[in-house]
N, C-alpha and C. Protein backbone atom coordinates (compact mmCIF):
# COMPACT_ATOMS: atom_id res chain seq x y z
N MET A 1 23.42 -55.88 -25.74
CA MET A 1 24.24 -56.42 -24.67
C MET A 1 24.07 -57.93 -24.65
N ALA A 2 25.18 -58.65 -24.69
CA ALA A 2 25.13 -60.11 -24.69
C ALA A 2 24.82 -60.60 -23.29
N LEU A 3 24.00 -61.63 -23.18
CA LEU A 3 23.63 -62.18 -21.87
C LEU A 3 24.30 -63.53 -21.69
N PHE A 4 24.73 -63.79 -20.46
CA PHE A 4 25.32 -65.06 -20.08
C PHE A 4 24.60 -65.53 -18.82
N PRO A 5 24.70 -66.82 -18.49
CA PRO A 5 24.02 -67.33 -17.29
C PRO A 5 24.38 -66.53 -16.03
N LEU A 6 25.64 -66.10 -15.91
CA LEU A 6 26.02 -65.31 -14.72
C LEU A 6 25.26 -63.99 -14.67
N ASP A 7 25.07 -63.36 -15.85
CA ASP A 7 24.32 -62.10 -15.90
C ASP A 7 22.90 -62.31 -15.37
N ILE A 8 22.30 -63.41 -15.77
CA ILE A 8 20.93 -63.70 -15.35
C ILE A 8 20.88 -63.94 -13.84
N ARG A 9 21.85 -64.73 -13.33
CA ARG A 9 21.85 -65.03 -11.89
C ARG A 9 22.10 -63.80 -11.03
N HIS A 10 22.89 -62.85 -11.54
CA HIS A 10 23.27 -61.68 -10.73
C HIS A 10 22.51 -60.42 -11.11
N GLN A 11 21.49 -60.55 -11.93
CA GLN A 11 20.72 -59.38 -12.34
C GLN A 11 20.01 -58.79 -11.12
N GLU A 12 20.14 -57.49 -10.91
CA GLU A 12 19.49 -56.78 -9.82
C GLU A 12 18.37 -55.94 -10.41
N PHE A 13 17.25 -55.86 -9.71
CA PHE A 13 16.14 -55.01 -10.12
C PHE A 13 15.92 -53.96 -9.04
N SER A 14 15.58 -52.77 -9.48
CA SER A 14 15.34 -51.73 -8.47
C SER A 14 14.06 -52.04 -7.72
N GLY A 15 14.07 -51.74 -6.39
CA GLY A 15 12.91 -52.02 -5.55
C GLY A 15 11.90 -50.89 -5.62
N GLN A 16 10.68 -51.24 -5.42
CA GLN A 16 9.62 -50.26 -5.29
C GLN A 16 8.93 -50.53 -3.96
N MET A 17 7.92 -49.78 -3.68
CA MET A 17 7.29 -49.88 -2.38
C MET A 17 6.81 -51.29 -2.06
N PHE A 18 6.27 -52.00 -3.06
CA PHE A 18 5.76 -53.33 -2.81
C PHE A 18 6.51 -54.40 -3.61
N GLY A 19 7.81 -54.24 -3.78
CA GLY A 19 8.60 -55.26 -4.44
C GLY A 19 9.26 -54.74 -5.69
N TYR A 20 9.67 -55.64 -6.55
CA TYR A 20 10.37 -55.28 -7.77
C TYR A 20 9.38 -54.75 -8.79
N SER A 21 9.87 -53.94 -9.69
CA SER A 21 9.06 -53.41 -10.77
C SER A 21 8.73 -54.53 -11.73
N LYS A 22 7.45 -54.84 -11.87
CA LYS A 22 7.05 -55.93 -12.75
C LYS A 22 7.41 -55.61 -14.19
N LYS A 23 7.31 -54.35 -14.58
CA LYS A 23 7.67 -53.97 -15.94
C LYS A 23 9.14 -54.23 -16.20
N GLU A 24 9.96 -53.88 -15.21
CA GLU A 24 11.39 -54.07 -15.37
C GLU A 24 11.74 -55.56 -15.45
N VAL A 25 11.13 -56.36 -14.60
CA VAL A 25 11.37 -57.81 -14.65
C VAL A 25 10.91 -58.37 -15.98
N ARG A 26 9.74 -57.96 -16.43
CA ARG A 26 9.19 -58.44 -17.69
C ARG A 26 10.11 -58.03 -18.84
N ALA A 27 10.60 -56.76 -18.84
CA ALA A 27 11.48 -56.29 -19.90
C ALA A 27 12.77 -57.09 -19.91
N PHE A 28 13.28 -57.40 -18.73
CA PHE A 28 14.51 -58.20 -18.66
C PHE A 28 14.27 -59.60 -19.25
N LEU A 29 13.16 -60.21 -18.88
CA LEU A 29 12.85 -61.54 -19.40
C LEU A 29 12.70 -61.52 -20.92
N GLU A 30 12.06 -60.49 -21.44
CA GLU A 30 11.89 -60.38 -22.88
C GLU A 30 13.25 -60.22 -23.56
N GLN A 31 14.10 -59.39 -22.97
CA GLN A 31 15.44 -59.19 -23.52
C GLN A 31 16.22 -60.50 -23.51
N MET A 32 16.12 -61.22 -22.38
CA MET A 32 16.83 -62.49 -22.26
C MET A 32 16.31 -63.49 -23.31
N ALA A 33 15.03 -63.56 -23.49
CA ALA A 33 14.45 -64.48 -24.47
C ALA A 33 14.90 -64.12 -25.89
N ASP A 34 14.89 -62.81 -26.20
CA ASP A 34 15.34 -62.37 -27.52
C ASP A 34 16.80 -62.74 -27.75
N GLU A 35 17.64 -62.49 -26.72
CA GLU A 35 19.06 -62.79 -26.83
C GLU A 35 19.29 -64.29 -27.06
N LEU A 36 18.59 -65.11 -26.32
CA LEU A 36 18.74 -66.55 -26.49
C LEU A 36 18.23 -67.00 -27.86
N GLU A 37 17.16 -66.39 -28.32
CA GLU A 37 16.64 -66.71 -29.63
C GLU A 37 17.65 -66.36 -30.71
N ASP A 38 18.29 -65.20 -30.57
CA ASP A 38 19.33 -64.80 -31.53
C ASP A 38 20.49 -65.79 -31.51
N ARG A 39 20.87 -66.21 -30.31
CA ARG A 39 21.98 -67.18 -30.21
C ARG A 39 21.62 -68.49 -30.92
N LEU A 40 20.40 -68.93 -30.69
CA LEU A 40 19.99 -70.18 -31.32
C LEU A 40 19.98 -70.05 -32.85
N LYS A 41 19.52 -68.91 -33.35
CA LYS A 41 19.52 -68.69 -34.80
C LYS A 41 20.94 -68.68 -35.33
N ASN A 42 21.85 -68.04 -34.59
CA ASN A 42 23.25 -68.02 -35.02
C ASN A 42 23.83 -69.43 -35.02
N GLN A 43 23.49 -70.20 -33.98
CA GLN A 43 23.97 -71.58 -33.93
C GLN A 43 23.41 -72.38 -35.11
N GLU A 44 22.16 -72.18 -35.40
CA GLU A 44 21.54 -72.88 -36.51
C GLU A 44 22.23 -72.51 -37.83
N ARG A 45 22.54 -71.22 -38.00
CA ARG A 45 23.24 -70.79 -39.21
C ARG A 45 24.62 -71.42 -39.28
N ASP A 46 25.32 -71.44 -38.12
CA ASP A 46 26.66 -72.06 -38.09
C ASP A 46 26.58 -73.54 -38.43
N ILE A 47 25.61 -74.22 -37.86
CA ILE A 47 25.44 -75.66 -38.13
C ILE A 47 25.11 -75.86 -39.61
N ALA A 48 24.22 -75.05 -40.12
CA ALA A 48 23.83 -75.18 -41.52
C ALA A 48 25.04 -74.91 -42.43
N ARG A 49 25.83 -73.87 -42.09
CA ARG A 49 27.01 -73.54 -42.89
C ARG A 49 28.03 -74.68 -42.86
N ARG A 50 28.28 -75.22 -41.63
CA ARG A 50 29.23 -76.33 -41.52
C ARG A 50 28.73 -77.56 -42.28
N GLU A 51 27.47 -77.84 -42.15
CA GLU A 51 26.93 -78.99 -42.85
C GLU A 51 26.98 -78.78 -44.36
N GLN A 52 26.77 -77.55 -44.77
CA GLN A 52 26.84 -77.27 -46.21
C GLN A 52 28.26 -77.48 -46.72
N GLN A 53 29.23 -77.03 -45.94
CA GLN A 53 30.62 -77.23 -46.35
C GLN A 53 30.95 -78.72 -46.41
N GLN A 54 30.52 -79.46 -45.39
CA GLN A 54 30.75 -80.91 -45.39
C GLN A 54 30.07 -81.56 -46.59
N TYR A 55 28.89 -81.10 -46.85
CA TYR A 55 28.15 -81.65 -47.99
C TYR A 55 28.90 -81.44 -49.30
N GLU A 56 29.40 -80.23 -49.48
CA GLU A 56 30.11 -79.93 -50.72
C GLU A 56 31.36 -80.80 -50.88
N VAL A 57 32.09 -81.03 -49.75
CA VAL A 57 33.29 -81.87 -49.81
C VAL A 57 32.90 -83.31 -50.13
N LYS A 58 31.87 -83.81 -49.48
CA LYS A 58 31.45 -85.20 -49.69
C LYS A 58 30.81 -85.39 -51.06
N GLN A 59 30.17 -84.37 -51.56
CA GLN A 59 29.48 -84.48 -52.85
C GLN A 59 30.46 -84.85 -53.96
N GLU A 60 31.63 -84.30 -53.86
CA GLU A 60 32.64 -84.63 -54.87
C GLU A 60 33.08 -86.08 -54.77
N ALA A 61 33.04 -86.67 -53.54
CA ALA A 61 33.55 -88.02 -53.33
C ALA A 61 32.51 -89.10 -53.53
N VAL A 62 31.27 -88.80 -53.46
CA VAL A 62 30.23 -89.83 -53.54
C VAL A 62 29.45 -89.71 -54.83
N THR A 63 28.73 -90.72 -55.13
CA THR A 63 27.91 -90.73 -56.34
C THR A 63 26.62 -89.98 -56.10
N ALA A 64 25.85 -89.80 -57.14
CA ALA A 64 24.60 -89.04 -57.08
C ALA A 64 23.60 -89.69 -56.14
N SER A 65 23.54 -90.99 -56.09
CA SER A 65 22.55 -91.65 -55.23
C SER A 65 22.90 -91.49 -53.76
N SER A 66 24.20 -91.60 -53.43
CA SER A 66 24.59 -91.42 -52.03
C SER A 66 24.42 -89.96 -51.61
N ALA A 67 24.53 -89.04 -52.58
CA ALA A 67 24.34 -87.61 -52.28
C ALA A 67 22.90 -87.34 -51.84
N VAL A 68 21.92 -88.00 -52.48
CA VAL A 68 20.51 -87.82 -52.12
C VAL A 68 20.27 -88.35 -50.70
N GLU A 69 20.82 -89.53 -50.41
CA GLU A 69 20.67 -90.08 -49.06
C GLU A 69 21.33 -89.17 -48.02
N ASP A 70 22.51 -88.67 -48.38
CA ASP A 70 23.22 -87.76 -47.47
C ASP A 70 22.39 -86.50 -47.20
N LEU A 71 21.77 -85.99 -48.23
CA LEU A 71 20.92 -84.81 -48.07
C LEU A 71 19.75 -85.11 -47.12
N LYS A 72 19.16 -86.28 -47.28
CA LYS A 72 18.04 -86.66 -46.42
C LYS A 72 18.49 -86.74 -44.96
N ARG A 73 19.66 -87.35 -44.75
CA ARG A 73 20.17 -87.44 -43.36
C ARG A 73 20.45 -86.04 -42.79
N ARG A 74 21.05 -85.21 -43.62
CA ARG A 74 21.33 -83.83 -43.15
C ARG A 74 20.04 -83.07 -42.85
N GLU A 75 19.08 -83.22 -43.69
CA GLU A 75 17.78 -82.57 -43.45
C GLU A 75 17.18 -83.04 -42.13
N GLU A 76 17.26 -84.34 -41.91
CA GLU A 76 16.76 -84.90 -40.66
C GLU A 76 17.55 -84.35 -39.46
N LEU A 77 18.87 -84.27 -39.61
CA LEU A 77 19.72 -83.74 -38.54
C LEU A 77 19.39 -82.27 -38.25
N ILE A 78 19.25 -81.51 -39.30
CA ILE A 78 18.88 -80.09 -39.12
C ILE A 78 17.52 -79.98 -38.46
N SER A 79 16.59 -80.81 -38.91
CA SER A 79 15.25 -80.79 -38.32
C SER A 79 15.31 -81.12 -36.83
N ARG A 80 16.09 -82.17 -36.48
CA ARG A 80 16.24 -82.52 -35.05
C ARG A 80 16.93 -81.39 -34.28
N THR A 81 17.92 -80.77 -34.91
CA THR A 81 18.63 -79.65 -34.26
C THR A 81 17.68 -78.49 -34.00
N LEU A 82 16.86 -78.20 -34.98
CA LEU A 82 15.88 -77.11 -34.80
C LEU A 82 14.89 -77.44 -33.69
N VAL A 83 14.41 -78.68 -33.68
CA VAL A 83 13.48 -79.09 -32.62
C VAL A 83 14.15 -78.98 -31.26
N PHE A 84 15.41 -79.46 -31.20
CA PHE A 84 16.15 -79.38 -29.94
C PHE A 84 16.36 -77.92 -29.52
N ALA A 85 16.71 -77.06 -30.49
CA ALA A 85 16.92 -75.63 -30.20
C ALA A 85 15.64 -74.99 -29.69
N GLU A 86 14.52 -75.30 -30.30
CA GLU A 86 13.23 -74.76 -29.85
C GLU A 86 12.90 -75.23 -28.43
N LYS A 87 13.14 -76.50 -28.17
CA LYS A 87 12.88 -77.04 -26.83
C LYS A 87 13.79 -76.37 -25.81
N THR A 88 15.06 -76.20 -26.18
CA THR A 88 16.01 -75.54 -25.27
C THR A 88 15.56 -74.10 -25.00
N LYS A 89 15.15 -73.40 -26.04
CA LYS A 89 14.66 -72.03 -25.87
C LYS A 89 13.46 -72.00 -24.92
N ALA A 90 12.51 -72.89 -25.15
CA ALA A 90 11.31 -72.94 -24.30
C ALA A 90 11.68 -73.26 -22.85
N ASP A 91 12.63 -74.18 -22.66
CA ASP A 91 13.07 -74.52 -21.29
C ASP A 91 13.72 -73.32 -20.61
N ILE A 92 14.58 -72.63 -21.35
CA ILE A 92 15.26 -71.47 -20.77
C ILE A 92 14.25 -70.39 -20.39
N ILE A 93 13.31 -70.13 -21.26
CA ILE A 93 12.28 -69.12 -20.98
C ILE A 93 11.44 -69.53 -19.77
N ALA A 94 11.06 -70.80 -19.70
CA ALA A 94 10.26 -71.29 -18.56
C ALA A 94 11.05 -71.15 -17.26
N ASN A 95 12.34 -71.52 -17.30
CA ASN A 95 13.17 -71.39 -16.09
C ASN A 95 13.33 -69.94 -15.68
N ALA A 96 13.50 -69.06 -16.65
CA ALA A 96 13.63 -67.63 -16.34
C ALA A 96 12.34 -67.10 -15.71
N ARG A 97 11.22 -67.53 -16.22
CA ARG A 97 9.93 -67.09 -15.65
C ARG A 97 9.78 -67.59 -14.21
N LYS A 98 10.15 -68.87 -13.99
CA LYS A 98 10.07 -69.41 -12.63
C LYS A 98 10.97 -68.63 -11.68
N GLU A 99 12.18 -68.33 -12.14
CA GLU A 99 13.11 -67.58 -11.30
C GLU A 99 12.58 -66.18 -11.01
N ALA A 100 11.99 -65.55 -12.02
CA ALA A 100 11.40 -64.23 -11.83
C ALA A 100 10.25 -64.29 -10.82
N GLU A 101 9.42 -65.32 -10.94
CA GLU A 101 8.31 -65.47 -9.98
C GLU A 101 8.85 -65.69 -8.56
N ASN A 102 9.91 -66.47 -8.44
CA ASN A 102 10.53 -66.69 -7.12
C ASN A 102 11.08 -65.38 -6.56
N ILE A 103 11.71 -64.60 -7.42
CA ILE A 103 12.25 -63.30 -6.98
C ILE A 103 11.12 -62.41 -6.51
N ILE A 104 10.05 -62.36 -7.27
CA ILE A 104 8.90 -61.53 -6.90
C ILE A 104 8.30 -62.01 -5.58
N HIS A 105 8.13 -63.31 -5.44
CA HIS A 105 7.56 -63.88 -4.20
C HIS A 105 8.45 -63.54 -3.00
N GLU A 106 9.75 -63.72 -3.18
CA GLU A 106 10.69 -63.42 -2.09
C GLU A 106 10.64 -61.93 -1.73
N SER A 107 10.53 -61.08 -2.74
CA SER A 107 10.43 -59.64 -2.49
C SER A 107 9.15 -59.29 -1.74
N GLU A 108 8.08 -59.94 -2.10
CA GLU A 108 6.81 -59.68 -1.40
C GLU A 108 6.91 -60.10 0.06
N LEU A 109 7.55 -61.25 0.32
CA LEU A 109 7.73 -61.70 1.71
C LEU A 109 8.59 -60.71 2.49
N LYS A 110 9.68 -60.24 1.87
CA LYS A 110 10.55 -59.25 2.53
C LYS A 110 9.77 -57.97 2.82
N ALA A 111 8.96 -57.55 1.87
CA ALA A 111 8.16 -56.33 2.06
C ALA A 111 7.18 -56.51 3.22
N LYS A 112 6.54 -57.68 3.29
CA LYS A 112 5.60 -57.93 4.40
C LYS A 112 6.32 -57.92 5.73
N ARG A 113 7.52 -58.55 5.76
CA ARG A 113 8.30 -58.54 7.01
C ARG A 113 8.66 -57.11 7.40
N ALA A 114 9.09 -56.32 6.44
CA ALA A 114 9.47 -54.93 6.72
C ALA A 114 8.27 -54.13 7.24
N ILE A 115 7.11 -54.35 6.65
CA ILE A 115 5.90 -53.65 7.11
C ILE A 115 5.55 -54.08 8.53
N ASN A 116 5.62 -55.37 8.81
CA ASN A 116 5.32 -55.85 10.17
C ASN A 116 6.30 -55.29 11.18
N GLU A 117 7.58 -55.24 10.81
CA GLU A 117 8.58 -54.66 11.73
C GLU A 117 8.30 -53.18 11.96
N ALA A 118 7.92 -52.47 10.90
CA ALA A 118 7.60 -51.05 11.03
C ALA A 118 6.38 -50.85 11.93
N LYS A 119 5.37 -51.71 11.77
CA LYS A 119 4.17 -51.61 12.62
C LYS A 119 4.54 -51.88 14.09
N HIS A 120 5.37 -52.87 14.32
CA HIS A 120 5.81 -53.19 15.68
C HIS A 120 6.57 -52.01 16.28
N HIS A 121 7.47 -51.45 15.50
CA HIS A 121 8.25 -50.30 15.98
C HIS A 121 7.33 -49.11 16.27
N LEU A 122 6.37 -48.89 15.39
CA LEU A 122 5.42 -47.81 15.59
C LEU A 122 4.61 -48.03 16.87
N SER A 123 4.23 -49.27 17.12
CA SER A 123 3.48 -49.60 18.34
C SER A 123 4.32 -49.30 19.58
N MET A 124 5.60 -49.68 19.52
CA MET A 124 6.49 -49.39 20.65
C MET A 124 6.64 -47.88 20.85
N LEU A 125 6.78 -47.13 19.75
CA LEU A 125 6.90 -45.67 19.86
C LEU A 125 5.62 -45.06 20.45
N GLU A 126 4.49 -45.59 20.03
CA GLU A 126 3.23 -45.09 20.57
C GLU A 126 3.14 -45.35 22.08
N HIS A 127 3.56 -46.55 22.49
CA HIS A 127 3.55 -46.88 23.91
C HIS A 127 4.49 -45.94 24.68
N GLN A 128 5.67 -45.70 24.13
CA GLN A 128 6.63 -44.78 24.80
C GLN A 128 6.05 -43.37 24.85
N TYR A 129 5.40 -42.95 23.76
CA TYR A 129 4.80 -41.62 23.73
C TYR A 129 3.74 -41.48 24.81
N MET A 130 2.87 -42.49 24.91
CA MET A 130 1.81 -42.44 25.92
C MET A 130 2.41 -42.43 27.34
N SER A 131 3.46 -43.20 27.55
CA SER A 131 4.11 -43.26 28.86
C SER A 131 4.73 -41.91 29.21
N ILE A 132 5.43 -41.30 28.27
CA ILE A 132 6.06 -39.99 28.51
C ILE A 132 4.99 -38.93 28.74
N LYS A 133 3.92 -39.01 27.97
CA LYS A 133 2.81 -38.06 28.13
C LYS A 133 2.22 -38.16 29.54
N GLU A 134 2.03 -39.39 30.03
CA GLU A 134 1.48 -39.60 31.37
C GLU A 134 2.45 -39.08 32.44
N GLN A 135 3.75 -39.36 32.25
CA GLN A 135 4.75 -38.87 33.20
C GLN A 135 4.74 -37.34 33.25
N LYS A 136 4.64 -36.71 32.08
CA LYS A 136 4.61 -35.24 32.03
C LYS A 136 3.37 -34.72 32.75
N ARG A 137 2.23 -35.37 32.50
CA ARG A 137 0.98 -34.93 33.15
C ARG A 137 1.10 -35.02 34.67
N GLN A 138 1.64 -36.15 35.15
CA GLN A 138 1.81 -36.32 36.59
C GLN A 138 2.78 -35.28 37.16
N PHE A 139 3.89 -35.02 36.43
CA PHE A 139 4.85 -34.03 36.89
C PHE A 139 4.20 -32.65 36.98
N LEU A 140 3.43 -32.27 35.95
CA LEU A 140 2.79 -30.95 35.94
C LEU A 140 1.77 -30.82 37.06
N MET A 141 1.01 -31.91 37.32
CA MET A 141 0.04 -31.85 38.41
C MET A 141 0.75 -31.68 39.76
N GLN A 142 1.82 -32.44 39.96
CA GLN A 142 2.58 -32.35 41.21
C GLN A 142 3.22 -30.96 41.34
N PHE A 143 3.78 -30.47 40.23
CA PHE A 143 4.43 -29.17 40.25
C PHE A 143 3.40 -28.07 40.53
N ARG A 144 2.19 -28.19 39.94
CA ARG A 144 1.14 -27.20 40.17
C ARG A 144 0.71 -27.21 41.65
N ALA A 145 0.60 -28.42 42.22
CA ALA A 145 0.22 -28.51 43.63
C ALA A 145 1.28 -27.86 44.52
N GLU A 146 2.57 -28.13 44.24
CA GLU A 146 3.64 -27.53 45.03
C GLU A 146 3.69 -26.02 44.83
N LEU A 147 3.48 -25.58 43.58
CA LEU A 147 3.46 -24.15 43.30
C LEU A 147 2.31 -23.47 44.03
N GLN A 148 1.16 -24.14 44.06
CA GLN A 148 0.01 -23.60 44.78
C GLN A 148 0.32 -23.47 46.28
N THR A 149 1.00 -24.50 46.82
CA THR A 149 1.39 -24.46 48.24
C THR A 149 2.31 -23.27 48.51
N PHE A 150 3.30 -23.07 47.61
CA PHE A 150 4.21 -21.93 47.77
C PHE A 150 3.46 -20.60 47.64
N GLN A 151 2.51 -20.52 46.72
CA GLN A 151 1.73 -19.29 46.57
C GLN A 151 0.90 -19.02 47.82
N ASP A 152 0.32 -20.08 48.39
CA ASP A 152 -0.46 -19.91 49.62
C ASP A 152 0.42 -19.41 50.76
N ARG A 153 1.61 -19.97 50.90
CA ARG A 153 2.54 -19.54 51.96
C ARG A 153 2.97 -18.10 51.76
N ILE A 154 3.26 -17.77 50.48
CA ILE A 154 3.68 -16.38 50.20
C ILE A 154 2.56 -15.41 50.48
N SER A 155 1.33 -15.77 50.07
CA SER A 155 0.21 -14.85 50.28
C SER A 155 -0.12 -14.70 51.77
N LYS A 156 0.23 -15.70 52.61
CA LYS A 156 -0.03 -15.61 54.05
C LYS A 156 1.12 -14.96 54.82
N ASP A 157 2.22 -14.71 54.12
CA ASP A 157 3.39 -14.12 54.80
C ASP A 157 3.02 -12.73 55.29
N PRO A 158 3.35 -12.40 56.57
CA PRO A 158 2.95 -11.11 57.16
C PRO A 158 3.57 -9.91 56.46
N LEU A 159 4.67 -10.05 55.79
CA LEU A 159 5.30 -8.92 55.14
C LEU A 159 4.53 -8.45 53.92
N LEU A 160 3.66 -9.27 53.40
CA LEU A 160 2.88 -8.88 52.23
C LEU A 160 1.60 -8.15 52.64
N SER A 161 1.26 -8.17 53.89
CA SER A 161 0.06 -7.46 54.37
C SER A 161 0.52 -6.16 55.03
N LYS A 162 -0.03 -5.03 54.59
CA LYS A 162 0.35 -3.71 55.13
C LYS A 162 0.03 -3.64 56.63
N GLU A 163 -1.10 -4.16 57.00
CA GLU A 163 -1.48 -4.09 58.40
C GLU A 163 -0.51 -4.89 59.26
N SER A 164 -0.20 -6.11 58.81
CA SER A 164 0.74 -6.96 59.56
C SER A 164 2.10 -6.33 59.62
N GLU A 165 2.51 -5.73 58.47
CA GLU A 165 3.85 -5.12 58.43
C GLU A 165 3.91 -3.93 59.40
N GLN A 166 2.86 -3.14 59.40
CA GLN A 166 2.83 -1.97 60.29
C GLN A 166 2.80 -2.42 61.77
N LEU A 167 2.03 -3.47 62.03
CA LEU A 167 1.94 -4.01 63.39
C LEU A 167 3.31 -4.51 63.84
N MET A 168 4.01 -5.25 62.95
CA MET A 168 5.34 -5.78 63.30
C MET A 168 6.34 -4.64 63.47
N ASP A 169 6.24 -3.63 62.60
CA ASP A 169 7.14 -2.47 62.73
C ASP A 169 6.90 -1.77 64.07
N GLY A 170 5.62 -1.66 64.42
CA GLY A 170 5.28 -1.01 65.71
C GLY A 170 5.83 -1.80 66.88
N GLU A 171 5.68 -3.11 66.86
CA GLU A 171 6.18 -3.96 67.94
C GLU A 171 7.71 -3.86 68.04
N PHE A 172 8.36 -3.82 66.85
CA PHE A 172 9.83 -3.73 66.85
C PHE A 172 10.28 -2.41 67.47
N LYS A 173 9.62 -1.32 67.12
CA LYS A 173 9.99 -0.02 67.68
C LYS A 173 9.78 0.00 69.20
N GLN A 174 8.70 -0.60 69.61
CA GLN A 174 8.40 -0.63 71.04
C GLN A 174 9.46 -1.41 71.79
N ILE A 175 9.86 -2.57 71.25
CA ILE A 175 10.89 -3.39 71.89
C ILE A 175 12.20 -2.63 71.91
N LYS A 176 12.48 -1.95 70.79
CA LYS A 176 13.73 -1.17 70.70
C LYS A 176 13.76 -0.07 71.74
N GLU A 177 12.66 0.61 71.89
CA GLU A 177 12.60 1.71 72.86
C GLU A 177 12.73 1.18 74.28
N GLU A 178 12.12 0.06 74.55
CA GLU A 178 12.23 -0.52 75.88
C GLU A 178 13.68 -0.88 76.18
N ILE A 179 14.35 -1.44 75.18
CA ILE A 179 15.74 -1.84 75.39
C ILE A 179 16.60 -0.60 75.57
N VAL A 180 16.34 0.42 74.75
CA VAL A 180 17.15 1.64 74.84
C VAL A 180 16.86 2.32 76.18
N HIS A 181 15.69 2.36 76.69
CA HIS A 181 15.36 3.00 77.96
C HIS A 181 15.86 2.19 79.13
N LYS A 182 15.83 0.93 79.04
CA LYS A 182 16.29 0.09 80.13
C LYS A 182 17.81 0.03 80.16
N ALA A 183 18.40 0.19 79.07
CA ALA A 183 19.86 0.05 79.03
C ALA A 183 20.57 1.05 79.89
N PRO A 184 20.22 2.32 79.95
CA PRO A 184 20.97 3.23 80.84
C PRO A 184 20.71 2.89 82.32
N GLY A 185 19.54 2.47 82.65
CA GLY A 185 19.25 2.13 84.02
C GLY A 185 19.94 0.84 84.41
N MET A 186 20.18 0.02 83.51
CA MET A 186 20.85 -1.23 83.81
C MET A 186 22.30 -1.01 84.08
N GLU A 187 22.83 0.02 83.53
CA GLU A 187 24.24 0.30 83.76
C GLU A 187 24.44 0.66 85.23
N ASN A 188 23.48 1.30 85.85
CA ASN A 188 23.58 1.71 87.25
C ASN A 188 23.54 0.52 88.18
N ARG A 189 22.94 -0.48 87.84
CA ARG A 189 22.81 -1.62 88.72
C ARG A 189 24.07 -2.29 88.82
């Protein structure tokens, strides 16, 4: 796959728990360095081929002594081109490494921020949990006290005691009989 500056700038790496995969970043850098090295070799071959063609054309036009001088100049030019190509390669690799380090550093900062936000959220959830737990405890205590009050009232109700119920039934019958006995006499009055 051919690499271009845009590819390098827009390269995405998959995230892991603590940032980008170092192996993946390293593999990408190695691939980029290899690709650039291949390009430089191709350029060197093209330059050498073009210079060779120029040399052959000029060789026919110049004498043997000027041909030797021309060869020396071309050798020097090729040597300078190679030095320049090596320097360019080293600069590109150094810049790619710096950019990779910046990406890794930025990823580490983002990961730390995400962890801090998660810790803060967890703290808030814990606080809410404790608050709800306390509210539930208070509700249950209050409900138990009210339930106990209702149980006490129910247990004291006279209808639940046989003796009280019989006593009330007896009083009711007595009142009923009094009313029934008095009622005919009241009609006479």
